[in-house]
Amino acid sequence: MMLPMLFRLRLNRPGRRPINLYIPLLPVYILLLPFILLALVSLPFLAVSKETRQYLPLFKALPSLLAAARGTGISVESEDHTIYLHIK
């Protein structure tokens, strides 16, 4: 299972140069890691109700959900701009 490592954002504007942003996701994962660990440690103690316990499988499935996002491309077009998002 390989997590996505690069997020590409392309903004096309008519009559102007397109903007390309390549965002590495490894620093994002490192920044989110303390929050995920805190949630993993505290959620079982706080999961006293049935509704709260339903969120526990979400944390277990989060890595596979991120791995399945590789290759996802989203294109949004309007009259003025075209935005293209791609997860590599």
PDB file of N, CA and C in Angstrom:
ATOM      1  N   MET A   1       0.851  -1.168   0.000  1.00  0.00           N
ATOM      2  CA  MET A   1       0.000   0.000   0.000  1.00  0.00           C
ATOM      3  C   MET A   1       0.903   1.240   0.000  1.00  0.00           C
ATOM      4  N   MET A   2       0.768   2.052  -1.019  1.00  0.00           N
ATOM      5  CA  MET A   2       1.583   3.254  -1.178  1.00  0.00           C
ATOM      6  C   MET A   2       0.685   4.479  -1.056  1.00  0.00           C
ATOM      7  N   LEU A   3       1.022   5.375  -0.138  1.00  0.00           N
ATOM      8  CA  LEU A   3       0.243   6.593   0.041  1.00  0.00           C
ATOM      9  C   LEU A   3       0.605   7.604  -1.042  1.00  0.00           C
ATOM     10  N   PRO A   4      -0.326   8.485  -1.400  1.00  0.00           N
ATOM     11  CA  PRO A   4      -0.006   9.532  -2.379  1.00  0.00           C
ATOM     12  C   PRO A   4       1.085  10.451  -1.840  1.00  0.00           C
ATOM     13  N   MET A   5       1.987  10.857  -2.714  1.00  0.00           N
ATOM     14  CA  MET A   5       3.112  11.679  -2.290  1.00  0.00           C
ATOM     15  C   MET A   5       3.124  13.071  -2.909  1.00  0.00           C
ATOM     16  N   LEU A   6       2.275  13.322  -3.905  1.00  0.00           N
ATOM     17  CA  LEU A   6       2.309  14.602  -4.596  1.00  0.00           C
ATOM     18  C   LEU A   6       0.892  15.028  -4.957  1.00  0.00           C
ATOM     19  N   PHE A   7       0.613  16.296  -4.726  1.00  0.00           N
ATOM     20  CA  PHE A   7      -0.675  16.881  -5.066  1.00  0.00           C
ATOM     21  C   PHE A   7      -0.405  17.989  -6.074  1.00  0.00           C
ATOM     22  N   ARG A   8      -1.030  17.907  -7.233  1.00  0.00           N
ATOM     23  CA  ARG A   8      -0.806  18.902  -8.288  1.00  0.00           C
ATOM     24  C   ARG A   8      -2.068  19.745  -8.462  1.00  0.00           C
ATOM     25  N   LEU A   9      -1.893  21.049  -8.456  1.00  0.00           N
ATOM     26  CA  LEU A   9      -2.978  22.000  -8.678  1.00  0.00           C
ATOM     27  C   LEU A   9      -2.604  22.847  -9.881  1.00  0.00           C
ATOM     28  N   ARG A  10      -3.456  22.861 -10.901  1.00  0.00           N
ATOM     29  CA  ARG A  10      -3.213  23.655 -12.104  1.00  0.00           C
ATOM     30  C   ARG A  10      -4.400  24.588 -12.293  1.00  0.00           C
ATOM     31  N   LEU A  11      -4.123  25.868 -12.418  1.00  0.00           N
ATOM     32  CA  LEU A  11      -5.140  26.893 -12.602  1.00  0.00           C
ATOM     33  C   LEU A  11      -4.895  27.562 -13.944  1.00  0.00           C
ATOM     34  N   ASN A  12      -5.788  27.321 -14.889  1.00  0.00           N
ATOM     35  CA  ASN A  12      -5.698  27.943 -16.213  1.00  0.00           C
ATOM     36  C   ASN A  12      -6.582  29.180 -16.246  1.00  0.00           C
ATOM     37  N   ARG A  13      -5.995  30.273 -16.693  1.00  0.00           N
ATOM     38  CA  ARG A  13      -6.727  31.529 -16.829  1.00  0.00           C
ATOM     39  C   ARG A  13      -6.557  32.014 -18.255  1.00  0.00           C
ATOM     40  N   PRO A  14      -7.639  32.350 -18.929  1.00  0.00           N
ATOM     41  CA  PRO A  14      -7.498  32.784 -20.326  1.00  0.00           C
ATOM     42  C   PRO A  14      -6.697  34.083 -20.425  1.00  0.00           C
ATOM     43  N   GLY A  15      -5.769  34.105 -21.365  1.00  0.00           N
ATOM     44  CA  GLY A  15      -4.961  35.296 -21.593  1.00  0.00           C
ATOM     45  C   GLY A  15      -3.798  35.447 -20.633  1.00  0.00           C
ATOM     46  N   ARG A  16      -3.642  34.535 -19.698  1.00  0.00           N
ATOM     47  CA  ARG A  16      -2.553  34.613 -18.727  1.00  0.00           C
ATOM     48  C   ARG A  16      -1.862  33.263 -18.633  1.00  0.00           C
ATOM     49  N   ARG A  17      -0.687  33.257 -18.063  1.00  0.00           N
ATOM     50  CA  ARG A  17       0.036  31.999 -17.889  1.00  0.00           C
ATOM     51  C   ARG A  17      -0.665  31.131 -16.846  1.00  0.00           C
ATOM     52  N   PRO A  18      -0.691  29.830 -17.050  1.00  0.00           N
ATOM     53  CA  PRO A  18      -1.305  28.959 -16.033  1.00  0.00           C
ATOM     54  C   PRO A  18      -0.431  28.868 -14.781  1.00  0.00           C
ATOM     55  N   ILE A  19      -1.083  28.658 -13.666  1.00  0.00           N
ATOM     56  CA  ILE A  19      -0.390  28.490 -12.392  1.00  0.00           C
ATOM     57  C   ILE A  19      -0.330  26.997 -12.089  1.00  0.00           C
ATOM     58  N   ASN A  20       0.861  26.475 -11.859  1.00  0.00           N
ATOM     59  CA  ASN A  20       1.065  25.081 -11.483  1.00  0.00           C
ATOM     60  C   ASN A  20       1.656  25.031 -10.086  1.00  0.00           C
ATOM     61  N   LEU A  21       0.983  24.347  -9.185  1.00  0.00           N
ATOM     62  CA  LEU A  21       1.502  24.139  -7.840  1.00  0.00           C
ATOM     63  C   LEU A  21       1.677  22.644  -7.614  1.00  0.00           C
ATOM     64  N   TYR A  22       2.856  22.245  -7.225  1.00  0.00           N
ATOM     65  CA  TYR A  22       3.141  20.863  -6.861  1.00  0.00           C
ATOM     66  C   TYR A  22       3.377  20.841  -5.355  1.00  0.00           C
ATOM     67  N   ILE A  23       2.482  20.198  -4.634  1.00  0.00           N
ATOM     68  CA  ILE A  23       2.546  20.180  -3.178  1.00  0.00           C
ATOM     69  C   ILE A  23       2.954  18.776  -2.722  1.00  0.00           C
ATOM     70  N   PRO A  24       4.111  18.639  -2.081  1.00  0.00           N
ATOM     71  CA  PRO A  24       4.484  17.321  -1.555  1.00  0.00           C
ATOM     72  C   PRO A  24       3.625  17.001  -0.327  1.00  0.00           C
ATOM     73  N   LEU A  25       3.106  15.791  -0.271  1.00  0.00           N
ATOM     74  CA  LEU A  25       2.185  15.427   0.797  1.00  0.00           C
ATOM     75  C   LEU A  25       2.877  14.862   2.031  1.00  0.00           C
ATOM     76  N   LEU A  26       4.148  14.505   1.945  1.00  0.00           N
ATOM     77  CA  LEU A  26       4.846  13.971   3.114  1.00  0.00           C
ATOM     78  C   LEU A  26       4.880  14.978   4.271  1.00  0.00           C
ATOM     79  N   PRO A  27       5.184  16.265   4.056  1.00  0.00           N
ATOM     80  CA  PRO A  27       5.112  17.217   5.175  1.00  0.00           C
ATOM     81  C   PRO A  27       3.696  17.362   5.730  1.00  0.00           C
ATOM     82  N   VAL A  28       2.695  17.229   4.890  1.00  0.00           N
ATOM     83  CA  VAL A  28       1.309  17.298   5.362  1.00  0.00           C
ATOM     84  C   VAL A  28       1.015  16.112   6.273  1.00  0.00           C
ATOM     85  N   TYR A  29       1.476  14.926   5.880  1.00  0.00           N
ATOM     86  CA  TYR A  29       1.285  13.742   6.723  1.00  0.00           C
ATOM     87  C   TYR A  29       1.994  13.908   8.063  1.00  0.00           C
ATOM     88  N   ILE A  30       3.193  14.457   8.037  1.00  0.00           N
ATOM     89  CA  ILE A  30       3.951  14.644   9.276  1.00  0.00           C
ATOM     90  C   ILE A  30       3.249  15.652  10.181  1.00  0.00           C
ATOM     91  N   LEU A  31       2.677  16.697   9.611  1.00  0.00           N
ATOM     92  CA  LEU A  31       1.949  17.683  10.416  1.00  0.00           C
ATOM     93  C   LEU A  31       0.663  17.107  11.001  1.00  0.00           C
ATOM     94  N   LEU A  32       0.003  16.209  10.283  1.00  0.00           N
ATOM     95  CA  LEU A  32      -1.255  15.630  10.764  1.00  0.00           C
ATOM     96  C   LEU A  32      -1.051  14.454  11.712  1.00  0.00           C
ATOM     97  N   LEU A  33       0.138  13.883  11.741  1.00  0.00           N
ATOM     98  CA  LEU A  33       0.398  12.697  12.548  1.00  0.00           C
ATOM     99  C   LEU A  33       0.112  12.894  14.043  1.00  0.00           C
ATOM    100  N   PRO A  34       0.511  13.999  14.690  1.00  0.00           N
ATOM    101  CA  PRO A  34       0.175  14.153  16.116  1.00  0.00           C
ATOM    102  C   PRO A  34      -1.332  14.188  16.374  1.00  0.00           C
ATOM    103  N   PHE A  35      -2.097  14.797  15.487  1.00  0.00           N
ATOM    104  CA  PHE A  35      -3.542  14.850  15.679  1.00  0.00           C
ATOM    105  C   PHE A  35      -4.178  13.472  15.515  1.00  0.00           C
ATOM    106  N   ILE A  36      -3.679  12.709  14.562  1.00  0.00           N
ATOM    107  CA  ILE A  36      -4.209  11.361  14.344  1.00  0.00           C
ATOM    108  C   ILE A  36      -3.868  10.464  15.526  1.00  0.00           C
ATOM    109  N   LEU A  37      -2.640  10.566  16.022  1.00  0.00           N
ATOM    110  CA  LEU A  37      -2.254   9.761  17.182  1.00  0.00           C
ATOM    111  C   LEU A  37      -3.049  10.149  18.421  1.00  0.00           C
ATOM    112  N   LEU A  38      -3.261  11.426  18.614  1.00  0.00           N
ATOM    113  CA  LEU A  38      -4.066  11.881  19.744  1.00  0.00           C
ATOM    114  C   LEU A  38      -5.496  11.362  19.641  1.00  0.00           C
ATOM    115  N   ALA A  39      -6.051  11.384  18.450  1.00  0.00           N
ATOM    116  CA  ALA A  39      -7.406  10.872  18.255  1.00  0.00           C
ATOM    117  C   ALA A  39      -7.460   9.362  18.465  1.00  0.00           C
ATOM    118  N   LEU A  40      -6.436   8.643  18.000  1.00  0.00           N
ATOM    119  CA  LEU A  40      -6.408   7.189  18.182  1.00  0.00           C
ATOM    120  C   LEU A  40      -6.299   6.797  19.653  1.00  0.00           C
ATOM    121  N   VAL A  41      -5.584   7.587  20.427  1.00  0.00           N
ATOM    122  CA  VAL A  41      -5.430   7.283  21.846  1.00  0.00           C
ATOM    123  C   VAL A  41      -6.676   7.682  22.628  1.00  0.00           C
ATOM    124  N   SER A  42      -7.257   8.815  22.327  1.00  0.00           N
ATOM    125  CA  SER A  42      -8.369   9.323  23.131  1.00  0.00           C
ATOM    126  C   SER A  42      -9.734   8.792  22.707  1.00  0.00           C
ATOM    127  N   LEU A  43      -9.913   8.454  21.457  1.00  0.00           N
ATOM    128  CA  LEU A  43     -11.240   8.046  20.996  1.00  0.00           C
ATOM    129  C   LEU A  43     -11.751   6.769  21.661  1.00  0.00           C
ATOM    130  N   PRO A  44     -10.945   5.736  21.872  1.00  0.00           N
ATOM    131  CA  PRO A  44     -11.501   4.556  22.560  1.00  0.00           C
ATOM    132  C   PRO A  44     -11.985   4.854  23.981  1.00  0.00           C
ATOM    133  N   PHE A  45     -11.340   5.801  24.667  1.00  0.00           N
ATOM    134  CA  PHE A  45     -11.786   6.155  26.009  1.00  0.00           C
ATOM    135  C   PHE A  45     -13.035   7.025  25.978  1.00  0.00           C
ATOM    136  N   LEU A  46     -13.179   7.806  24.921  1.00  0.00           N
ATOM    137  CA  LEU A  46     -14.343   8.678  24.800  1.00  0.00           C
ATOM    138  C   LEU A  46     -15.505   7.997  24.095  1.00  0.00           C
ATOM    139  N   ALA A  47     -15.262   6.838  23.524  1.00  0.00           N
ATOM    140  CA  ALA A  47     -16.297   6.144  22.752  1.00  0.00           C
ATOM    141  C   ALA A  47     -17.190   5.334  23.684  1.00  0.00           C
ATOM    142  N   VAL A  48     -17.976   6.032  24.467  1.00  0.00           N
ATOM    143  CA  VAL A  48     -18.874   5.339  25.387  1.00  0.00           C
ATOM    144  C   VAL A  48     -20.253   5.141  24.779  1.00  0.00           C
ATOM    145  N   SER A  49     -20.623   5.970  23.831  1.00  0.00           N
ATOM    146  CA  SER A  49     -21.932   5.812  23.199  1.00  0.00           C
ATOM    147  C   SER A  49     -21.792   5.024  21.900  1.00  0.00           C
ATOM    148  N   LYS A  50     -22.899   4.503  21.445  1.00  0.00           N
ATOM    149  CA  LYS A  50     -22.893   3.691  20.226  1.00  0.00           C
ATOM    150  C   LYS A  50     -22.535   4.539  19.007  1.00  0.00           C
ATOM    151  N   GLU A  51     -22.995   5.782  18.973  1.00  0.00           N
ATOM    152  CA  GLU A  51     -22.719   6.664  17.844  1.00  0.00           C
ATOM    153  C   GLU A  51     -21.230   6.992  17.748  1.00  0.00           C
ATOM    154  N   THR A  52     -20.581   7.154  18.873  1.00  0.00           N
ATOM    155  CA  THR A  52     -19.158   7.475  18.868  1.00  0.00           C
ATOM    156  C   THR A  52     -18.317   6.268  18.465  1.00  0.00           C
ATOM    157  N   ARG A  53     -18.718   5.070  18.868  1.00  0.00           N
ATOM    158  CA  ARG A  53     -17.975   3.858  18.509  1.00  0.00           C
ATOM    159  C   ARG A  53     -18.027   3.582  17.017  1.00  0.00           C
ATOM    160  N   GLN A  54     -18.981   4.143  16.317  1.00  0.00           N
ATOM    161  CA  GLN A  54     -19.079   3.924  14.878  1.00  0.00           C
ATOM    162  C   GLN A  54     -17.948   4.606  14.114  1.00  0.00           C
ATOM    163  N   TYR A  55     -17.254   5.553  14.723  1.00  0.00           N
ATOM    164  CA  TYR A  55     -16.143   6.240  14.068  1.00  0.00           C
ATOM    165  C   TYR A  55     -14.828   5.477  14.173  1.00  0.00           C
ATOM    166  N   LEU A  56     -14.736   4.469  15.024  1.00  0.00           N
ATOM    167  CA  LEU A  56     -13.488   3.726  15.195  1.00  0.00           C
ATOM    168  C   LEU A  56     -13.027   3.028  13.917  1.00  0.00           C
ATOM    169  N   PRO A  57     -13.884   2.379  13.122  1.00  0.00           N
ATOM    170  CA  PRO A  57     -13.401   1.762  11.877  1.00  0.00           C
ATOM    171  C   PRO A  57     -12.884   2.775  10.850  1.00  0.00           C
ATOM    172  N   LEU A  58     -13.311   4.032  10.971  1.00  0.00           N
ATOM    173  CA  LEU A  58     -12.832   5.061  10.049  1.00  0.00           C
ATOM    174  C   LEU A  58     -11.324   5.259  10.191  1.00  0.00           C
ATOM    175  N   PHE A  59     -10.828   5.267  11.414  1.00  0.00           N
ATOM    176  CA  PHE A  59      -9.392   5.440  11.631  1.00  0.00           C
ATOM    177  C   PHE A  59      -8.609   4.237  11.127  1.00  0.00           C
ATOM    178  N   LYS A  60      -9.205   3.062  11.226  1.00  0.00           N
ATOM    179  CA  LYS A  60      -8.536   1.863  10.727  1.00  0.00           C
ATOM    180  C   LYS A  60      -8.468   1.868   9.199  1.00  0.00           C
ATOM    181  N   ALA A  61      -9.478   2.414   8.547  1.00  0.00           N
ATOM    182  CA  ALA A  61      -9.548   2.418   7.086  1.00  0.00           C
ATOM    183  C   ALA A  61      -8.888   3.641   6.457  1.00  0.00           C
ATOM    184  N   LEU A  62      -8.443   4.593   7.237  1.00  0.00           N
ATOM    185  CA  LEU A  62      -7.885   5.833   6.693  1.00  0.00           C
ATOM    186  C   LEU A  62      -6.659   5.613   5.801  1.00  0.00           C
ATOM    187  N   PRO A  63      -5.681   4.784   6.160  1.00  0.00           N
ATOM    188  CA  PRO A  63      -4.543   4.579   5.242  1.00  0.00           C
ATOM    189  C   PRO A  63      -4.947   3.957   3.908  1.00  0.00           C
ATOM    190  N   SER A  64      -5.854   2.994   3.931  1.00  0.00           N
ATOM    191  CA  SER A  64      -6.274   2.387   2.662  1.00  0.00           C
ATOM    192  C   SER A  64      -7.107   3.362   1.838  1.00  0.00           C
ATOM    193  N   LEU A  65      -7.847   4.241   2.500  1.00  0.00           N
ATOM    194  CA  LEU A  65      -8.607   5.265   1.779  1.00  0.00           C
ATOM    195  C   LEU A  65      -7.668   6.243   1.087  1.00  0.00           C
ATOM    196  N   LEU A  66      -6.607   6.646   1.774  1.00  0.00           N
ATOM    197  CA  LEU A  66      -5.624   7.541   1.162  1.00  0.00           C
ATOM    198  C   LEU A  66      -4.877   6.856   0.026  1.00  0.00           C
ATOM    199  N   ALA A  67      -4.555   5.576   0.201  1.00  0.00           N
ATOM    200  CA  ALA A  67      -3.856   4.847  -0.856  1.00  0.00           C
ATOM    201  C   ALA A  67      -4.735   4.693  -2.093  1.00  0.00           C
ATOM    202  N   ALA A  68      -6.030   4.563  -1.899  1.00  0.00           N
ATOM    203  CA  ALA A  68      -6.944   4.426  -3.034  1.00  0.00           C
ATOM    204  C   ALA A  68      -7.143   5.745  -3.770  1.00  0.00           C
ATOM    205  N   ALA A  69      -6.733   6.858  -3.162  1.00  0.00           N
ATOM    206  CA  ALA A  69      -6.914   8.167  -3.790  1.00  0.00           C
ATOM    207  C   ALA A  69      -5.855   8.464  -4.845  1.00  0.00           C
ATOM    208  N   ARG A  70      -4.824   7.612  -4.956  1.00  0.00           N
ATOM    209  CA  ARG A  70      -3.781   7.837  -5.968  1.00  0.00           C
ATOM    210  C   ARG A  70      -4.389   7.811  -7.357  1.00  0.00           C
ATOM    211  N   GLY A  71      -3.992   8.761  -8.177  1.00  0.00           N
ATOM    212  CA  GLY A  71      -4.478   8.827  -9.547  1.00  0.00           C
ATOM    213  C   GLY A  71      -5.793   9.565  -9.704  1.00  0.00           C
ATOM    214  N   THR A  72      -6.330  10.099  -8.620  1.00  0.00           N
ATOM    215  CA  THR A  72      -7.588  10.828  -8.689  1.00  0.00           C
ATOM    216  C   THR A  72      -7.364  12.186  -9.346  1.00  0.00           C
ATOM    217  N   GLY A  73      -8.207  12.511 -10.301  1.00  0.00           N
ATOM    218  CA  GLY A  73      -8.139  13.802 -10.972  1.00  0.00           C
ATOM    219  C   GLY A  73      -9.496  14.478 -10.938  1.00  0.00           C
ATOM    220  N   ILE A  74      -9.513  15.744 -10.590  1.00  0.00           N
ATOM    221  CA  ILE A  74     -10.746  16.523 -10.527  1.00  0.00           C
ATOM    222  C   ILE A  74     -10.549  17.757 -11.388  1.00  0.00           C
ATOM    223  N   SER A  75     -11.489  18.006 -12.281  1.00  0.00           N
ATOM    224  CA  SER A  75     -11.416  19.171 -13.150  1.00  0.00           C
ATOM    225  C   SER A  75     -12.681  20.004 -12.959  1.00  0.00           C
ATOM    226  N   VAL A  76     -12.495  21.285 -12.671  1.00  0.00           N
ATOM    227  CA  VAL A  76     -13.609  22.213 -12.487  1.00  0.00           C
ATOM    228  C   VAL A  76     -13.436  23.327 -13.508  1.00  0.00           C
ATOM    229  N   GLU A  77     -14.451  23.539 -14.314  1.00  0.00           N
ATOM    230  CA  GLU A  77     -14.367  24.551 -15.366  1.00  0.00           C
ATOM    231  C   GLU A  77     -15.465  25.592 -15.188  1.00  0.00           C
ATOM    232  N   SER A  78     -15.092  26.841 -15.409  1.00  0.00           N
ATOM    233  CA  SER A  78     -16.049  27.943 -15.430  1.00  0.00           C
ATOM    234  C   SER A  78     -15.723  28.803 -16.644  1.00  0.00           C
ATOM    235  N   GLU A  79     -16.410  29.902 -16.792  1.00  0.00           N
ATOM    236  CA  GLU A  79     -16.149  30.783 -17.931  1.00  0.00           C
ATOM    237  C   GLU A  79     -14.771  31.433 -17.824  1.00  0.00           C
ATOM    238  N   ASP A  80     -14.328  31.698 -16.602  1.00  0.00           N
ATOM    239  CA  ASP A  80     -13.080  32.430 -16.395  1.00  0.00           C
ATOM    240  C   ASP A  80     -11.871  31.533 -16.140  1.00  0.00           C
ATOM    241  N   HIS A  81     -12.079  30.434 -15.453  1.00  0.00           N
ATOM    242  CA  HIS A  81     -10.956  29.624 -14.992  1.00  0.00           C
ATOM    243  C   HIS A  81     -11.216  28.142 -15.235  1.00  0.00           C
ATOM    244  N   THR A  82     -10.140  27.409 -15.271  1.00  0.00           N
ATOM    245  CA  THR A  82     -10.186  25.950 -15.251  1.00  0.00           C
ATOM    246  C   THR A  82      -9.224  25.488 -14.165  1.00  0.00           C
ATOM    247  N   ILE A  83      -9.737  24.721 -13.223  1.00  0.00           N
ATOM    248  CA  ILE A  83      -8.933  24.221 -12.113  1.00  0.00           C
ATOM    249  C   ILE A  83      -8.835  22.710 -12.252  1.00  0.00           C
ATOM    250  N   TYR A  84      -7.618  22.191 -12.188  1.00  0.00           N
ATOM    251  CA  TYR A  84      -7.390  20.761 -12.295  1.00  0.00           C
ATOM    252  C   TYR A  84      -6.584  20.306 -11.086  1.00  0.00           C
ATOM    253  N   LEU A  85      -7.122  19.341 -10.351  1.00  0.00           N
ATOM    254  CA  LEU A  85      -6.457  18.772  -9.185  1.00  0.00           C
ATOM    255  C   LEU A  85      -6.097  17.328  -9.502  1.00  0.00           C
ATOM    256  N   HIS A  86      -4.887  16.927  -9.174  1.00  0.00           N
ATOM    257  CA  HIS A  86      -4.459  15.551  -9.431  1.00  0.00           C
ATOM    258  C   HIS A  86      -3.608  15.067  -8.266  1.00  0.00           C
ATOM    259  N   ILE A  87      -3.924  13.878  -7.773  1.00  0.00           N
ATOM    260  CA  ILE A  87      -3.174  13.276  -6.674  1.00  0.00           C
ATOM    261  C   ILE A  87      -2.295  12.190  -7.252  1.00  0.00           C
ATOM    262  N   LYS A  88      -0.981  12.302  -7.057  1.00  0.00           N
ATOM    263  CA  LYS A  88      -0.033  11.307  -7.591  1.00  0.00           C
ATOM    264  C   LYS A  88       0.538  10.479  -6.466  1.00  0.00           C
TER     265      LYS A  88
END
